[in-house]
């Protein structure tokens, strides 16, 4: 999604709404400055999502169509969608895999990137219940790899 901030229509919409305060000196979108505006104001966040989510969906569909046109398309295509359930997009995919981790572990792994933004997300419990495949990633990388390998096997078996 971040590359969509280079889209001229997105940049024009941001400029019309916020002026230059969300642009860096080089003209690129200053995502930190934008985040400071939208993550403290639900209406602003909804506005930004209304600009970005349709473009993300168009990009996802174009990518899937591109893969399908390949002479030897992959048996499996994976798309990471952080706001899948919140955007109501789970029906657009054949299967949903949810991988969560306890908050303390996420903080340890991600540092500053875990913050109050999580408060507006569905709970991990609900995500795990709704997913076709669910895993709590609180173990080793080998355990995670085994889970992923099992999902891939299940989804690619004839």
Protein backbone atom coordinates (compact mmCIF):
# COMPACT_ATOMS: atom_id res chain seq x y z
CA UNK A 1 0.00 0.00 0.00
CA UNK A 2 2.81 2.40 0.74
CA UNK A 3 3.78 2.67 -2.92
CA UNK A 4 0.29 4.06 -3.59
CA UNK A 5 1.41 7.27 -1.91
CA UNK A 6 3.30 7.91 -5.14
CA UNK A 7 0.04 7.85 -7.14
CA UNK A 8 -0.71 11.35 -8.44
CA UNK A 9 -4.43 11.13 -7.58
CA UNK A 10 -3.63 10.09 -4.02
CA UNK A 11 -1.08 12.88 -3.70
CA UNK A 12 -3.58 15.41 -5.06
CA UNK A 13 -6.25 14.24 -2.61
CA UNK A 14 -3.80 14.49 0.28
CA UNK A 15 -2.67 17.95 -0.81
CA UNK A 16 -6.27 19.14 -1.14
CA UNK A 17 -7.14 17.87 2.32
CA UNK A 18 -3.97 18.65 4.30
CA UNK A 19 -1.90 21.03 2.24
CA UNK A 20 1.85 20.65 2.39
CA UNK A 21 1.97 19.45 6.01
CA UNK A 22 1.96 15.79 4.95
CA UNK A 23 4.72 16.16 2.35
CA UNK A 24 8.46 15.93 2.91
CA UNK A 25 10.89 18.45 1.47
CA UNK A 26 11.54 16.16 -1.51
CA UNK A 27 7.82 16.12 -2.34
CA UNK A 28 7.16 12.57 -1.14
CA UNK A 29 4.36 11.82 1.30
CA UNK A 30 5.62 12.05 4.87
CA UNK A 31 3.83 8.99 6.25
CA UNK A 32 4.78 9.85 9.83
CA UNK A 33 3.21 13.31 9.53
CA UNK A 34 0.14 11.81 7.88
CA UNK A 35 -0.08 9.21 10.64
CA UNK A 36 -0.01 11.91 13.29
CA UNK A 37 -3.11 13.43 11.70
CA UNK A 38 -5.16 10.35 10.94
CA UNK A 39 -4.43 8.05 13.84
CA UNK A 40 -5.74 10.54 16.37
CA UNK A 41 -8.92 11.38 14.47
CA UNK A 42 -11.31 8.62 13.42
CA UNK A 43 -12.93 10.78 10.72
CA UNK A 44 -9.59 11.54 9.11
CA UNK A 45 -8.61 7.89 9.20
CA UNK A 46 -11.89 6.92 7.56
CA UNK A 47 -11.29 9.54 4.88
CA UNK A 48 -7.78 8.22 4.19
CA UNK A 49 -9.05 4.66 4.05
CA UNK A 50 -11.76 5.74 1.59
CA UNK A 51 -9.01 7.05 -0.66
CA UNK A 52 -6.63 4.14 -0.25
CA UNK A 53 -8.71 0.96 0.13
CA UNK A 54 -10.33 1.04 -3.32
CA UNK A 55 -6.92 1.51 -4.90
CA UNK A 56 -5.48 -1.36 -2.88
CA UNK A 57 -8.31 -3.61 -4.06
CA UNK A 58 -7.81 -2.60 -7.69
CA UNK A 59 -4.09 -3.29 -7.39
CA UNK A 60 -4.75 -6.67 -5.77
CA UNK A 61 -7.18 -7.71 -8.49
CA UNK A 62 -4.77 -6.60 -11.23
CA UNK A 63 -1.99 -8.65 -9.62
CA UNK A 64 -4.21 -11.73 -9.40
CA UNK A 65 -5.25 -11.35 -13.05
CA UNK A 66 -1.61 -10.94 -14.06
CA UNK A 67 -0.72 -14.17 -12.26
CA UNK A 68 -3.63 -16.01 -13.89
CA UNK A 69 -2.41 -14.98 -17.35
CA UNK A 70 1.03 -16.49 -16.84
CA UNK A 71 1.79 -19.57 -18.97
CA UNK A 72 2.39 -21.50 -15.76
CA UNK A 73 0.46 -19.67 -13.03
CA UNK A 74 1.45 -20.37 -9.44
CA UNK A 75 -0.62 -22.90 -7.53
CA UNK A 76 -0.92 -20.44 -4.68
CA UNK A 77 -0.76 -16.66 -4.38
CA UNK A 78 -0.51 -14.97 -1.01
CA UNK A 79 -1.63 -11.45 -0.23
CA UNK A 80 -1.00 -9.82 3.13
CA UNK A 81 -3.98 -7.69 4.15
CA UNK A 82 -3.56 -6.10 7.59
CA UNK A 83 -7.13 -4.74 7.69
CA UNK A 84 -8.79 -7.66 5.94
CA UNK A 85 -11.73 -8.08 8.30
CA UNK A 86 -11.99 -4.40 9.15
CA UNK A 87 -12.34 -3.61 5.43
CA UNK A 88 -14.82 -6.44 4.90
CA UNK A 89 -12.56 -7.95 2.23
CA UNK A 90 -12.30 -11.55 3.42
CA UNK A 91 -14.80 -12.71 0.80
CA UNK A 92 -12.43 -11.68 -1.97
CA UNK A 93 -10.08 -14.56 -1.15
CA UNK A 94 -10.36 -18.33 -1.37
CA UNK A 95 -8.94 -18.81 2.13
CA UNK A 96 -7.83 -16.64 5.02
CA UNK A 97 -4.81 -17.42 7.17
CA UNK A 98 -4.56 -15.50 10.44
CA UNK A 99 -1.29 -15.45 12.31
CA UNK A 100 -1.29 -13.57 15.58
CA UNK A 101 1.01 -13.22 18.55
CA UNK A 102 0.46 -12.06 22.12
CA UNK A 103 0.71 -8.26 22.42
CA UNK A 104 3.79 -8.45 24.66
CA UNK A 105 5.58 -10.49 22.01
CA UNK A 106 4.48 -8.12 19.22
CA UNK A 107 5.88 -5.20 21.20
CA UNK A 108 9.14 -7.07 21.72
CA UNK A 109 9.38 -7.93 18.01
CA UNK A 110 8.12 -4.67 16.50
CA UNK A 111 9.17 -2.07 19.03
CA UNK A 112 7.62 1.34 18.39
CA UNK A 113 5.42 0.10 15.56
CA UNK A 114 2.86 -1.34 18.00
CA UNK A 115 0.67 1.41 19.39
CA UNK A 116 -2.87 2.60 19.94
CA UNK A 117 -3.67 1.90 16.29
CA UNK A 118 -4.35 -1.69 17.32
CA UNK A 119 -7.29 -0.57 19.43
CA UNK A 120 -9.52 -0.20 16.37
CA UNK A 121 -8.72 -3.65 15.02
CA UNK A 122 -10.68 -6.81 15.58
CA UNK A 123 -9.40 -8.81 18.50
CA UNK A 124 -6.94 -11.62 17.83
CA UNK A 125 -9.51 -14.06 19.19
CA UNK A 126 -12.09 -12.97 16.62
CA UNK A 127 -9.55 -13.07 13.78
CA UNK A 128 -8.52 -16.59 14.74
CA UNK A 129 -12.14 -17.71 14.94
CA UNK A 130 -13.02 -16.26 11.53
CA UNK A 131 -9.94 -17.48 9.65
CA UNK A 132 -9.80 -20.70 7.66
CA UNK A 133 -6.33 -21.36 9.11
CA UNK A 134 -5.22 -19.88 12.41
CA UNK A 135 -1.94 -19.83 14.29
CA UNK A 136 -0.67 -18.09 17.41
CA UNK A 137 2.95 -17.30 16.68
CA UNK A 138 4.48 -17.53 20.12
CA UNK A 139 6.92 -20.34 19.40
CA UNK A 140 9.96 -20.95 17.27
CA UNK A 141 10.50 -20.13 13.61
CA UNK A 142 10.56 -23.88 12.93
CA UNK A 143 7.05 -24.19 14.40
CA UNK A 144 5.82 -21.28 12.29
CA UNK A 145 7.45 -22.77 9.19
CA UNK A 146 5.73 -26.10 9.88
CA UNK A 147 2.34 -24.38 10.19
CA UNK A 148 2.86 -22.47 6.93
CA UNK A 149 4.05 -25.62 5.13
CA UNK A 150 0.92 -27.42 6.29
CA UNK A 151 -1.33 -24.63 5.03
CA UNK A 152 0.46 -24.60 1.67
CA UNK A 153 0.08 -28.38 1.38
CA UNK A 154 -3.62 -28.21 2.19
CA UNK A 155 -4.29 -25.38 -0.25
CA UNK A 156 -2.31 -26.86 -3.12
CA UNK A 157 -3.40 -30.50 -2.86
CA UNK A 158 -5.47 -31.59 -5.85
